[in-house]
Structure formats: structure tokens, C-alpha cells
């Protein structure tokens, strides 16, 4: 099993044991959660949410809860590198296992079909 496959499996296991209330609440992320809570996701427990960043900030007045279409999407490229707000920080794919997220960002960034289909997928009916 590759490092990436192992991390994905650990993430699946972590998420599968979350309670229904944990799955429904606002998620908060922190780089420190990996060590502080021995998890793969970086998600924080409710009791520590003030120490992290929300993964999603939704204004309920802007969405239609009855719609099945995507209504909101936010993409932020940088990971600890403020100079890369408009693009991923890697110019090419890396073989370093710790840059798997950067590689995924780069794949999305270069995927013309993704961008071509994104806007039509979030337009209202």
C-alpha cells in the first residue's frame, strides 16, 4: 500500500466513526490537530473549534436548502504560503508524499473540463 492509499484509508476510518451530530456540525480544521488529537483529517473536536479555521462558512440566506444543485463553492489554493492565492504553489507534480494535497490542487487547477463544467453546475434552475 502506498503512503497516499494508507492516508486515505486512515481518513475513511476516522470519518466512519464520527457521530451523526459530528457529521452535521460546522467542521473546523487545524494543522495542530494531527498531533494534538492523533487524527489524519486535521479536524478539531467541538471543544477546540476556536483554535482552528472553519472549513465552510455558509450564509443560510444565500442558499436554497431544497435544491440538489451546488449553490456555493470556495477554492483557496494556499497552504501556509500567502503568496499563492491565485494558483497552487507547485508548478509541477511532486513525488514527495507530504505534498499530496498540493498535487491534488495542481490537478484541479489544470483540469479544463472541471473549470468548464463548474459554472453551469452552480447556476440556478
Protein backbone atom coordinates (compact mmCIF):
# COMPACT_ATOMS: atom_id res chain seq x y z
CA UNK A 1 0.00 0.00 0.00
CA UNK A 2 1.36 3.44 -0.91
CA UNK A 3 1.58 6.29 1.60
CA UNK A 4 -1.31 8.04 -0.14
CA UNK A 5 -3.52 4.94 -0.04
CA UNK A 6 -2.69 4.43 3.63
CA UNK A 7 -3.62 8.04 4.46
CA UNK A 8 -6.91 7.75 2.54
CA UNK A 9 -7.78 4.55 4.39
CA UNK A 10 -6.98 6.17 7.75
CA UNK A 11 -9.17 9.14 6.81
CA UNK A 12 -12.05 6.82 5.87
CA UNK A 13 -11.73 5.03 9.20
CA UNK A 14 -11.66 8.31 11.11
CA UNK A 15 -14.72 9.69 9.35
CA UNK A 16 -16.67 6.41 9.63
CA UNK A 17 -16.65 6.55 13.45
CA UNK A 18 -17.94 10.13 13.63
CA UNK A 19 -21.35 10.51 15.24
CA UNK A 20 -24.29 11.91 13.29
CA UNK A 21 -24.07 15.18 15.24
CA UNK A 22 -20.35 15.47 14.42
CA UNK A 23 -21.11 14.98 10.73
CA UNK A 24 -23.79 17.69 10.76
CA UNK A 25 -21.94 20.40 12.70
CA UNK A 26 -19.62 23.04 11.27
CA UNK A 27 -16.19 21.49 10.73
CA UNK A 28 -13.05 23.21 11.99
CA UNK A 29 -9.51 22.43 10.83
CA UNK A 30 -6.11 22.96 12.38
CA UNK A 31 -2.66 21.77 11.38
CA UNK A 32 -2.08 21.06 15.08
CA UNK A 33 -4.98 18.58 15.18
CA UNK A 34 -2.81 15.92 13.54
CA UNK A 35 -0.62 15.78 16.64
CA UNK A 36 -2.99 17.07 19.32
CA UNK A 37 -5.77 14.58 18.51
CA UNK A 38 -3.81 11.93 16.60
CA UNK A 39 -6.01 12.17 13.53
CA UNK A 40 -5.45 12.22 9.79
CA UNK A 41 -8.08 14.80 8.82
CA UNK A 42 -6.90 17.72 10.92
CA UNK A 43 -10.48 18.19 12.12
CA UNK A 44 -10.98 19.59 15.59
CA UNK A 45 -13.45 18.42 18.21
CA UNK A 46 -16.24 20.88 19.08
CA UNK A 47 -14.47 21.78 22.32
CA UNK A 48 -11.45 23.12 20.39
CA UNK A 49 -13.15 24.82 17.45
CA UNK A 50 -11.94 28.29 18.44
CA UNK A 51 -8.35 27.21 17.78
CA UNK A 52 -8.99 26.32 14.14
CA UNK A 53 -10.39 27.56 10.86
CA UNK A 54 -13.90 26.71 9.64
CA UNK A 55 -13.88 24.53 6.54
CA UNK A 56 -17.13 26.02 5.27
CA UNK A 57 -18.81 29.31 6.13
CA UNK A 58 -22.33 29.37 4.74
CA UNK A 59 -24.76 32.26 4.82
CA UNK A 60 -28.13 30.43 5.04
CA UNK A 61 -29.84 33.39 3.37
CA UNK A 62 -27.92 32.72 0.17
CA UNK A 63 -28.81 29.06 -0.35
CA UNK A 64 -31.94 27.09 -1.13
CA UNK A 65 -31.99 24.02 1.16
CA UNK A 66 -34.46 22.27 -1.19
CA UNK A 67 -32.13 22.43 -4.20
CA UNK A 68 -29.96 19.48 -5.21
CA UNK A 69 -27.61 21.71 -7.22
CA UNK A 70 -24.31 23.07 -5.96
CA UNK A 71 -25.00 26.59 -4.73
CA UNK A 72 -21.71 27.63 -3.22
CA UNK A 73 -18.11 26.73 -3.84
CA UNK A 74 -14.95 28.20 -2.41
CA UNK A 75 -11.44 27.36 -3.57
CA UNK A 76 -8.40 28.62 -1.73
CA UNK A 77 -5.09 27.46 -3.11
CA UNK A 78 -2.53 28.35 -0.49
CA UNK A 79 -1.34 26.15 2.32
CA UNK A 80 0.79 28.27 4.65
CA UNK A 81 2.05 30.27 1.63
CA UNK A 82 0.19 33.57 1.30
CA UNK A 83 1.89 34.41 -2.00
CA UNK A 84 -0.07 31.64 -3.77
CA UNK A 85 -3.65 32.93 -3.52
CA UNK A 86 -4.24 32.78 -7.27
CA UNK A 87 -2.62 29.41 -8.06
CA UNK A 88 -1.29 26.26 -6.38
CA UNK A 89 2.23 26.61 -5.01
CA UNK A 90 3.65 23.77 -7.11
CA UNK A 91 4.36 24.31 -10.82
CA UNK A 92 4.66 20.55 -11.42
CA UNK A 93 3.75 17.29 -9.73
CA UNK A 94 5.88 16.22 -6.78
CA UNK A 95 6.90 12.71 -5.75
CA UNK A 96 7.12 13.71 -2.08
CA UNK A 97 4.32 12.00 -0.11
CA UNK A 98 3.83 15.07 2.10
CA UNK A 99 2.84 17.15 -0.95
CA UNK A 100 -0.17 15.00 -1.93
CA UNK A 101 -2.59 17.89 -1.29
CA UNK A 102 -0.51 20.21 -3.45
CA UNK A 103 -0.56 17.62 -6.23
CA UNK A 104 -4.36 17.39 -5.99
CA UNK A 105 -4.64 21.20 -6.12
CA UNK A 106 -2.45 21.22 -9.21
CA UNK A 107 -4.56 18.54 -10.92
CA UNK A 108 -7.74 20.54 -10.30
CA UNK A 109 -6.07 23.78 -11.37
CA UNK A 110 -5.02 22.26 -14.71
CA UNK A 111 -8.27 20.35 -15.38
CA UNK A 112 -10.02 22.30 -18.17
CA UNK A 113 -13.14 20.11 -18.01
CA UNK A 114 -13.56 20.83 -14.30
CA UNK A 115 -13.50 24.59 -14.87
CA UNK A 116 -15.65 24.39 -17.99
CA UNK A 117 -18.34 22.47 -16.08
CA UNK A 118 -18.08 24.30 -12.76
CA UNK A 119 -20.13 27.40 -13.53
CA UNK A 120 -23.01 25.57 -15.26
CA UNK A 121 -23.20 23.21 -12.27
CA UNK A 122 -23.89 26.05 -9.83
CA UNK A 123 -26.36 28.09 -11.87
CA UNK A 124 -29.89 28.25 -10.54
CA UNK A 125 -32.68 26.37 -12.31
